[in-house]
Amino acid sequence: MESSATVLLFEVGIAVLGNENELIFKRTFDEPVFAYDSIQKGSSQFLSEVIRFLKDYQNINVNSNYLMGLFSRENMNVTLMSQGDQDEFNRTKLQLMTKFSFSKDLEDSVSKLRHFATEYSSFKVKETSGRLDLHIIQAVNALDEIDEIINTIGTRMREWYGLHFPELDNLIQNIDTYAYIVKNSRSRTEITKGMLLESDLQENKAEIIIDFASKSKGGEISEESQAILKDISSRVLELSTLRANLARMIESSMEILAPNLKKMLTAVIGARLISRAGSLPRLAVLPASTIQILGAEKALFRALKTGSSPPKHGLLFQHPLIHSAPKWQRGKIARALSAKIAIAARIDEYRHATIDNSILENLQKRIEVIQKVYAEPPIGNRNSAPSRISRHYGAKKINRKYHKFRKKMKGKKRKNFA
């Protein structure tokens, strides 16, 4: 039995050659696109026959890194072709396909490779478009845009209806409750206690609103304005319902895609971080220092340009651990949090494991140390001290401009007084 073999992976099949480069085994893929993609992803589903055939060979030479990884897992002694041999294979691929009966002639080889390229491109586009993290990115971007729309038209509704019932603006802070009242009452004289109770207001609050409505100092409102305000309030409520549906979708999707990231940051903040990075695989390879300032790119480039202090956090400021912390602790907490986010993202992307509680436990211990060691603000105005970026990039430029300006102004003064 021969002790060595060469395995050549084609787009349409796989061939095994003996010591004299003669064909000793061949397998044509019934579905080339799925088979080739499966091999790229490390699956041996389409190589079971080849693996059984190669079990008795001591040395196996392959032309693909994908084959090398698969055969290595089967405890085979496998080596990769030299770059020169791989280039030669690529140059003579059409002739080899004809020689090993993967195609009838050169024209048929070209036709099959062209068809494979077209189908494989379509397959990868479809596969990429179906990735869950891309759908989460679209959902969280839609959520932020809906928030902007609700805030814009909600403010307009408040100001418009406030001409008729100005006291209501201070009594009701929730935009959905305000919109519900405008939609169902139109005029302040139509506001009833039962309608207010249906909007989940407490009874004492409802009585206060009715009391203010009876003696409001607002002007009268026309039927035309009432109809338009009813339409606006209906749109606000519809958008609020859509926002709630999006939030639930993001919550459930993040539980599937990135449970560790979700538990550490909440679903919406985790989704925003994935959106800013571009995808979960992209977030998983970013260093902690980059994750820390995601969302603060403008401030970072402004710091590099002007010499001001660089940002300490970007999107992470939305996390309660940071925005509720004292100002002098935020940078240190953001650094600790970004380090754990990097670990959590890699676990979610590569390990696909369940929640790892040790990450949160270690983060909590680090935050407790920060809160204990830096319990008091630093002595002196350390925050205003020039940073390393300022000293090396900005200070010299600023000083040159300042001295040049002083020299110019002194010259003008001497000229004026002469």
Protein backbone atom coordinates (compact mmCIF):
# COMPACT_ATOMS: atom_id res chain seq x y z
CA MET A 1 0.00 0.00 0.00
CA GLU A 2 1.32 3.44 -0.91
CA SER A 3 2.27 5.52 2.10
CA SER A 4 1.71 9.03 0.70
CA ALA A 5 -1.05 10.79 -1.23
CA THR A 6 -1.87 14.24 -2.58
CA VAL A 7 -5.37 15.61 -2.13
CA LEU A 8 -6.57 18.36 -4.49
CA LEU A 9 -9.70 20.33 -3.67
CA PHE A 10 -11.57 21.71 -6.69
CA GLU A 11 -14.72 23.81 -6.63
CA VAL A 12 -16.66 20.92 -8.16
CA GLY A 13 -15.05 17.93 -6.46
CA ILE A 14 -12.00 16.41 -4.82
CA ALA A 15 -9.22 14.22 -6.28
CA VAL A 16 -6.58 12.02 -4.59
CA LEU A 17 -3.29 11.35 -6.39
CA GLY A 18 -0.71 8.66 -5.71
CA ASN A 19 3.09 8.82 -5.66
CA GLU A 20 3.27 9.07 -9.46
CA ASN A 21 0.56 11.77 -9.58
CA GLU A 22 -1.92 9.24 -10.94
CA LEU A 23 -5.57 9.52 -9.96
CA ILE A 24 -6.45 6.94 -7.29
CA PHE A 25 -9.69 8.40 -5.92
CA LYS A 26 -12.20 10.99 -7.11
CA ARG A 27 -15.42 12.44 -5.73
CA THR A 28 -17.62 14.85 -7.69
CA PHE A 29 -19.85 17.06 -5.56
CA ASP A 30 -23.56 16.75 -6.30
CA GLU A 31 -24.10 20.26 -4.88
CA PRO A 32 -20.76 22.04 -5.33
CA VAL A 33 -21.77 25.28 -3.60
CA PHE A 34 -23.00 23.63 -0.39
CA ALA A 35 -20.16 21.11 -0.34
CA TYR A 36 -17.42 23.72 -0.84
CA ASP A 37 -18.95 26.06 1.74
CA SER A 38 -19.30 23.19 4.21
CA ILE A 39 -15.61 22.30 3.83
CA GLN A 40 -14.66 25.96 4.33
CA LYS A 41 -16.62 25.99 7.59
CA GLY A 42 -14.80 22.89 8.85
CA SER A 43 -17.47 20.27 8.28
CA SER A 44 -16.43 16.80 7.10
CA GLN A 45 -19.94 15.92 5.89
CA PHE A 46 -18.91 15.76 2.22
CA LEU A 47 -15.50 14.18 2.91
CA SER A 48 -16.46 11.02 4.75
CA GLU A 49 -15.58 8.74 1.82
CA VAL A 50 -12.26 10.52 1.24
CA ILE A 51 -11.34 10.27 4.92
CA ARG A 52 -12.05 6.54 4.99
CA PHE A 53 -9.96 6.08 1.84
CA LEU A 54 -7.00 8.00 3.31
CA LYS A 55 -6.92 6.23 6.69
CA ASP A 56 -4.14 3.86 5.56
CA TYR A 57 -1.87 6.62 4.18
CA GLN A 58 0.93 7.87 6.37
CA ASN A 59 1.65 11.19 4.64
CA ILE A 60 -1.00 13.39 3.05
CA ASN A 61 -0.26 16.55 1.08
CA VAL A 62 -3.14 18.99 0.50
CA ASN A 63 -3.64 22.20 -1.49
CA SER A 64 -6.06 23.86 0.94
CA ASN A 65 -5.91 25.08 4.52
CA TYR A 66 -9.50 23.91 4.95
CA LEU A 67 -8.53 20.32 4.12
CA MET A 68 -5.51 20.57 6.38
CA GLY A 69 -7.68 21.52 9.37
CA LEU A 70 -10.21 18.78 8.67
CA PHE A 71 -7.66 16.01 8.22
CA SER A 72 -5.70 17.14 11.27
CA ARG A 73 -8.80 16.61 13.41
CA GLU A 74 -8.90 13.05 12.10
CA ASN A 75 -5.36 12.51 13.47
CA MET A 76 -3.83 12.30 10.00
CA ASN A 77 -0.28 13.35 9.20
CA VAL A 78 -1.11 16.17 6.81
CA THR A 79 1.05 18.91 5.27
CA LEU A 80 0.22 21.89 3.09
CA MET A 81 1.61 22.29 -0.41
CA SER A 82 4.29 24.89 -0.95
CA GLN A 83 3.15 28.24 -2.33
CA GLY A 84 4.81 27.45 -5.64
CA ASP A 85 2.89 24.18 -5.98
CA GLN A 86 -0.37 25.94 -5.11
CA ASP A 87 0.27 28.61 -7.75
CA GLU A 88 1.00 25.89 -10.29
CA PHE A 89 -2.26 24.14 -9.38
CA ASN A 90 -4.23 27.34 -9.87
CA ARG A 91 -2.58 27.97 -13.26
CA THR A 92 -3.39 24.46 -14.52
CA LYS A 93 -6.77 24.01 -12.83
CA LEU A 94 -8.74 23.96 -16.08
CA GLN A 95 -6.52 21.26 -17.59
CA LEU A 96 -6.59 19.20 -14.38
CA MET A 97 -10.39 19.30 -14.28
CA THR A 98 -10.46 17.89 -17.79
CA LYS A 99 -7.74 15.34 -17.00
CA PHE A 100 -9.56 14.04 -13.92
CA SER A 101 -12.93 13.96 -15.74
CA PHE A 102 -14.57 16.72 -13.73
CA SER A 103 -15.40 18.30 -17.11
CA LYS A 104 -15.50 17.27 -20.77
CA ASP A 105 -13.04 19.85 -22.10
CA LEU A 106 -11.54 23.26 -21.33
CA GLU A 107 -14.68 25.08 -22.40
CA ASP A 108 -16.77 22.94 -20.07
CA SER A 109 -14.30 23.63 -17.24
CA VAL A 110 -14.64 27.37 -17.74
CA SER A 111 -18.44 27.06 -17.84
CA LYS A 112 -18.58 25.04 -14.63
CA LEU A 113 -16.26 27.41 -12.75
CA ARG A 114 -18.23 30.45 -13.96
CA HIS A 115 -21.50 28.85 -12.86
CA PHE A 116 -19.96 27.94 -9.49
CA ALA A 117 -18.70 31.50 -8.95
CA THR A 118 -22.12 32.97 -9.70
CA GLU A 119 -23.99 30.54 -7.49
CA TYR A 120 -21.48 30.77 -4.65
CA SER A 121 -21.61 34.57 -4.64
CA SER A 122 -25.41 34.52 -4.48
CA PHE A 123 -25.27 31.91 -1.71
CA LYS A 124 -22.85 33.97 0.41
CA VAL A 125 -24.86 37.16 -0.08
CA LYS A 126 -28.03 35.37 1.02
CA GLU A 127 -26.24 33.79 3.98
CA THR A 128 -24.75 37.10 5.10
CA SER A 129 -28.07 38.93 4.76
CA GLY A 130 -29.70 36.40 7.07
CA ARG A 131 -27.23 36.88 9.92
CA LEU A 132 -28.98 37.70 13.18
CA ASP A 133 -26.54 40.45 14.23
CA LEU A 134 -27.30 42.43 11.05
CA HIS A 135 -31.01 42.26 11.80
CA ILE A 136 -30.34 43.42 15.36
CA ILE A 137 -28.35 46.37 13.99
CA GLN A 138 -31.27 47.40 11.78
CA ALA A 139 -33.70 47.01 14.68
CA VAL A 140 -31.70 49.12 17.13
CA ASN A 141 -31.11 51.81 14.49
CA ALA A 142 -34.85 51.86 13.81
CA LEU A 143 -35.44 52.10 17.57
CA ASP A 144 -33.22 55.18 17.87
CA GLU A 145 -34.85 56.83 14.85
CA ILE A 146 -38.34 56.17 16.24
CA ASP A 147 -37.26 57.76 19.53
CA GLU A 148 -36.21 60.89 17.63
CA ILE A 149 -39.51 61.01 15.75
CA ILE A 150 -41.56 60.53 18.94
CA ASN A 151 -39.61 63.26 20.70
CA THR A 152 -40.05 65.66 17.77
CA ILE A 153 -43.77 65.24 17.11
CA GLY A 154 -44.46 64.70 20.81
CA THR A 155 -42.93 68.08 21.61
CA ARG A 156 -44.98 69.69 18.86
CA MET A 157 -48.15 68.05 20.26
CA ARG A 158 -47.39 69.33 23.76
CA GLU A 159 -46.74 72.88 22.58
CA TRP A 160 -49.85 72.96 20.38
CA TYR A 161 -52.23 71.45 22.93
CA GLY A 162 -50.55 73.57 25.60
CA LEU A 163 -52.10 76.68 24.03
CA HIS A 164 -55.46 75.20 25.02
CA PHE A 165 -54.53 73.44 28.30
CA PRO A 166 -51.07 74.72 29.43
CA GLU A 167 -51.35 73.27 32.95
CA LEU A 168 -51.38 69.69 31.61
CA ASP A 169 -47.76 69.90 30.47
CA ASN A 170 -46.49 70.09 34.06
CA LEU A 171 -48.94 67.48 35.33
CA ILE A 172 -48.17 64.73 32.77
CA GLN A 173 -44.56 63.85 31.93
CA ASN A 174 -45.12 60.55 30.10
CA ILE A 175 -45.57 61.24 26.38
CA ASP A 176 -47.84 58.19 25.86
CA THR A 177 -50.21 59.24 28.63
CA TYR A 178 -50.29 62.80 27.29
CA ALA A 179 -51.04 61.54 23.77
CA TYR A 180 -53.80 59.27 25.12
CA ILE A 181 -55.49 62.22 26.82
CA VAL A 182 -55.24 64.41 23.71
CA LYS A 183 -56.59 61.64 21.48
CA ASN A 184 -59.59 60.80 23.65
CA SER A 185 -60.54 64.20 25.00
CA ARG A 186 -59.65 66.66 22.22
CA SER A 187 -60.97 69.61 24.29
CA ARG A 188 -60.12 70.01 28.01
CA THR A 189 -63.82 70.11 28.82
CA GLU A 190 -64.17 66.54 27.59
CA ILE A 191 -61.58 65.14 30.03
CA THR A 192 -63.27 62.74 32.46
CA LYS A 193 -62.06 60.90 35.52
CA GLY A 194 -62.86 57.51 33.99
CA MET A 195 -60.80 58.27 30.90
CA LEU A 196 -57.84 59.33 33.03
CA LEU A 197 -58.06 56.19 35.13
CA GLU A 198 -58.02 54.10 31.93
CA SER A 199 -54.65 55.69 31.09
CA ASP A 200 -53.21 54.16 34.32
CA LEU A 201 -53.17 57.43 36.26
CA GLN A 202 -53.76 57.35 40.00
CA GLU A 203 -57.10 58.62 41.26
CA ASN A 204 -55.69 61.63 43.12
CA LYS A 205 -53.71 62.65 40.03
CA ALA A 206 -56.85 62.35 37.89
CA GLU A 207 -58.79 64.61 40.26
CA ILE A 208 -56.03 67.23 40.13
CA ILE A 209 -56.08 67.24 36.30
CA ILE A 210 -59.87 67.64 36.21
CA ASP A 211 -59.63 70.48 38.71
CA PHE A 212 -57.01 72.30 36.61
CA ALA A 213 -59.05 71.67 33.44
CA SER A 214 -62.08 73.39 34.93
CA LYS A 215 -60.14 76.58 35.71
CA SER A 216 -57.47 76.51 33.00
CA LYS A 217 -56.26 79.81 31.60
CA GLY A 218 -55.67 78.38 28.12
CA GLY A 219 -57.46 79.66 25.05
CA GLU A 220 -60.17 77.95 23.07
CA ILE A 221 -59.30 75.46 20.36
CA SER A 222 -60.96 75.09 16.96
CA GLU A 223 -62.44 71.84 15.66
CA GLU A 224 -59.87 71.79 12.87
CA SER A 225 -57.01 72.00 15.36
CA GLN A 226 -58.66 69.31 17.48
CA ALA A 227 -58.83 66.95 14.49
CA ILE A 228 -55.17 67.50 13.59
CA LEU A 229 -54.05 67.07 17.21
CA LYS A 230 -56.03 63.83 17.40
CA ASP A 231 -54.17 62.53 14.33
CA ILE A 232 -50.79 63.58 15.79
CA SER A 233 -51.52 61.92 19.14
CA SER A 234 -52.62 58.74 17.32
CA ARG A 235 -49.28 58.65 15.45
CA VAL A 236 -47.40 59.07 18.73
CA LEU A 237 -49.24 56.12 20.26
CA GLU A 238 -48.70 53.97 17.15
CA LEU A 239 -44.99 54.74 17.15
CA SER A 240 -44.80 53.95 20.87
CA THR A 241 -46.37 50.54 20.19
CA LEU A 242 -43.90 49.94 17.36
CA ARG A 243 -41.04 50.94 19.64
CA ALA A 244 -42.17 48.44 22.27
CA ASN A 245 -42.30 45.68 19.64
CA LEU A 246 -38.79 46.55 18.46
CA ALA A 247 -37.50 46.52 22.04
CA ARG A 248 -38.97 43.04 22.59
CA MET A 249 -37.45 41.81 19.33
CA ILE A 250 -34.01 43.15 20.31
CA GLU A 251 -34.35 41.57 23.77
CA SER A 252 -35.14 38.09 22.41
CA SER A 253 -32.57 38.30 19.58
CA MET A 254 -29.76 39.38 21.89
CA GLU A 255 -30.60 36.48 24.21
CA ILE A 256 -29.94 34.13 21.28
CA LEU A 257 -26.97 35.92 19.71
CA ALA A 258 -25.03 37.40 22.63
CA PRO A 259 -26.38 36.40 26.07
CA ASN A 260 -23.20 37.40 27.91
CA LEU A 261 -23.14 40.81 26.26
CA LYS A 262 -26.82 41.30 27.01
CA LYS A 263 -26.46 40.43 30.70
CA MET A 264 -23.51 42.78 31.08
CA LEU A 265 -24.87 45.78 29.16
CA THR A 266 -28.65 45.21 28.76
CA ALA A 267 -30.03 44.23 25.35
CA VAL A 268 -30.35 47.74 23.86
CA ILE A 269 -26.89 48.99 24.87
CA GLY A 270 -25.33 45.72 23.70
CA ALA A 271 -27.16 46.04 20.37
CA ARG A 272 -25.97 49.64 19.99
CA LEU A 273 -22.40 48.52 20.61
CA ILE A 274 -22.70 45.79 17.96
CA SER A 275 -24.19 48.36 15.57
CA ARG A 276 -21.32 50.77 16.17
CA ALA A 277 -18.74 48.02 15.61
CA GLY A 278 -20.52 46.80 12.46
CA SER A 279 -21.19 43.21 13.52
CA LEU A 280 -20.63 40.83 16.41
CA PRO A 281 -17.58 39.19 14.74
CA ARG A 282 -16.08 42.67 14.30
CA LEU A 283 -16.78 43.57 17.94
CA ALA A 284 -15.22 40.29 19.07
CA VAL A 285 -11.84 41.15 17.53
CA LEU A 286 -11.69 44.76 18.74
CA PRO A 287 -9.32 45.55 21.64
CA ALA A 288 -10.81 46.81 24.89
CA SER A 289 -9.34 50.29 24.36
CA THR A 290 -11.29 50.66 21.11
CA ILE A 291 -14.52 49.31 22.63
CA GLN A 292 -14.17 51.88 25.42
CA ILE A 293 -14.45 54.86 23.03
CA LEU A 294 -16.91 53.44 20.47
CA GLY A 295 -19.37 56.24 19.83
CA ALA A 296 -16.89 58.98 20.77
CA GLU A 297 -14.84 59.00 17.55
CA LYS A 298 -15.43 62.72 16.91
CA ALA A 299 -14.21 63.62 20.38
CA LEU A 300 -11.14 61.41 19.92
CA PHE A 301 -10.13 62.99 16.62
CA ARG A 302 -10.81 66.44 18.04
CA ALA A 303 -8.48 65.61 20.94
CA LEU A 304 -5.76 64.44 18.52
CA LYS A 305 -6.16 67.60 16.47
CA THR A 306 -6.43 70.24 19.19
CA GLY A 307 -4.50 68.62 22.02
CA SER A 308 -7.48 68.50 24.41
CA SER A 309 -8.08 65.58 26.76
CA PRO A 310 -9.18 62.38 24.96
CA PRO A 311 -12.65 60.93 25.72
CA LYS A 312 -12.96 58.40 28.53
CA HIS A 313 -16.03 56.63 27.17
CA GLY A 314 -18.47 56.63 24.28
CA LEU A 315 -21.64 54.52 24.17
CA LEU A 316 -20.63 52.92 27.47
CA PHE A 317 -21.68 56.14 29.23
CA GLN A 318 -25.28 54.88 28.88
CA HIS A 319 -24.48 52.03 31.27
CA PRO A 320 -25.69 52.73 34.85
CA LEU A 321 -22.30 51.75 36.30
CA ILE A 322 -20.69 54.68 34.48
CA HIS A 323 -23.22 57.49 34.28
CA SER A 324 -24.15 57.08 37.95
CA ALA A 325 -20.51 57.03 39.12
CA PRO A 326 -18.59 60.14 40.23
CA LYS A 327 -16.80 61.93 37.42
CA TRP A 328 -13.31 60.96 38.57
CA GLN A 329 -14.21 57.25 38.61
CA ARG A 330 -15.90 57.02 35.20
CA GLY A 331 -12.77 56.55 33.12
CA LYS A 332 -11.49 53.71 35.31
CA ILE A 333 -14.89 51.98 35.40
CA ALA A 334 -15.24 52.34 31.61
CA ARG A 335 -11.80 50.76 31.16
CA ALA A 336 -12.73 47.80 33.38
CA LEU A 337 -16.12 47.40 31.70
CA SER A 338 -14.68 47.50 28.17
CA ALA A 339 -12.15 44.79 29.08
CA LYS A 340 -14.96 42.48 30.21
CA ILE A 341 -17.07 43.36 27.16
CA ALA A 342 -14.22 42.20 24.91
CA ILE A 343 -14.17 38.84 26.71
CA ALA A 344 -17.97 38.48 26.64
CA ALA A 345 -18.16 39.26 22.91
CA ARG A 346 -15.53 36.63 22.12
CA ILE A 347 -17.33 34.02 24.20
CA ASP A 348 -20.63 34.79 22.44
CA GLU A 349 -19.05 34.76 18.97
CA TYR A 350 -16.63 31.84 19.15
CA ARG A 351 -17.72 29.63 22.00
CA HIS A 352 -21.50 30.03 21.62
CA ALA A 353 -21.76 29.12 25.27
CA THR A 354 -24.32 30.00 27.90
CA ILE A 355 -23.88 32.89 30.31
CA ASP A 356 -20.51 32.94 32.07
CA ASN A 357 -21.18 34.44 35.50
CA SER A 358 -17.47 34.71 36.32
CA ILE A 359 -17.13 37.72 33.98
CA LEU A 360 -19.70 39.75 35.91
CA GLU A 361 -18.27 38.62 39.24
CA ASN A 362 -14.75 39.75 38.30
CA LEU A 363 -16.13 43.04 36.96
CA GLN A 364 -18.01 43.68 40.18
CA LYS A 365 -14.87 43.01 42.24
CA ARG A 366 -12.86 45.44 40.10
CA ILE A 367 -15.52 48.14 40.42
CA GLU A 368 -15.61 47.70 44.19
CA VAL A 369 -11.84 48.23 44.28
CA ILE A 370 -12.16 51.38 42.16
CA GLN A 371 -14.93 52.75 44.36
CA LYS A 372 -12.87 52.07 47.49
CA VAL A 373 -9.50 53.34 46.29
CA TYR A 374 -10.89 56.40 44.49
CA ALA A 375 -13.68 57.21 46.93
CA GLU A 376 -12.56 60.85 47.19
CA PRO A 377 -11.89 63.19 44.26
CA PRO A 378 -8.21 63.72 43.38
CA ILE A 379 -6.36 66.52 45.16
CA GLY A 380 -5.71 69.51 42.91
CA ASN A 381 -7.04 70.14 39.46
CA ARG A 382 -5.61 66.98 37.90
CA ASN A 383 -8.31 66.76 35.28
CA SER A 384 -7.12 70.01 33.69
CA ALA A 385 -3.47 68.93 33.54
CA PRO A 386 -2.16 68.56 29.98
CA SER A 387 -2.51 65.02 28.72
CA ARG A 388 0.15 63.01 26.93
CA ILE A 389 -1.61 63.67 23.62
CA SER A 390 -1.70 67.39 24.39
CA ARG A 391 1.98 67.53 25.26
CA HIS A 392 3.17 65.65 22.19
CA TYR A 393 0.69 66.71 19.52
CA GLY A 394 -1.07 69.89 20.51
CA ALA A 395 1.00 71.94 22.92
CA LYS A 396 3.87 72.80 20.58
CA LYS A 397 1.52 73.78 17.78
CA ILE A 398 -0.58 75.95 20.11
CA ASN A 399 2.52 77.62 21.58
CA ARG A 400 3.90 78.41 18.12
CA LYS A 401 0.62 80.02 17.06
CA TYR A 402 0.42 81.98 20.32
CA HIS A 403 3.96 83.38 20.12
CA LYS A 404 3.49 84.22 16.43
CA PHE A 405 0.28 86.10 17.27
CA ARG A 406 1.97 88.02 20.12
CA LYS A 407 4.84 89.00 17.87
CA LYS A 408 2.44 90.20 15.21
CA MET A 409 0.40 92.26 17.70
CA LYS A 410 3.54 93.85 19.21
CA GLY A 411 4.58 94.91 15.74
CA LYS A 412 1.22 96.50 15.12
CA LYS A 413 1.37 98.39 18.44
CA ARG A 414 4.83 99.81 17.71
CA LYS A 415 3.64 100.92 14.28
CA ASN A 416 0.55 102.63 15.67
CA PHE A 417 2.40 104.56 18.39
CA ALA A 418 5.29 105.59 16.14
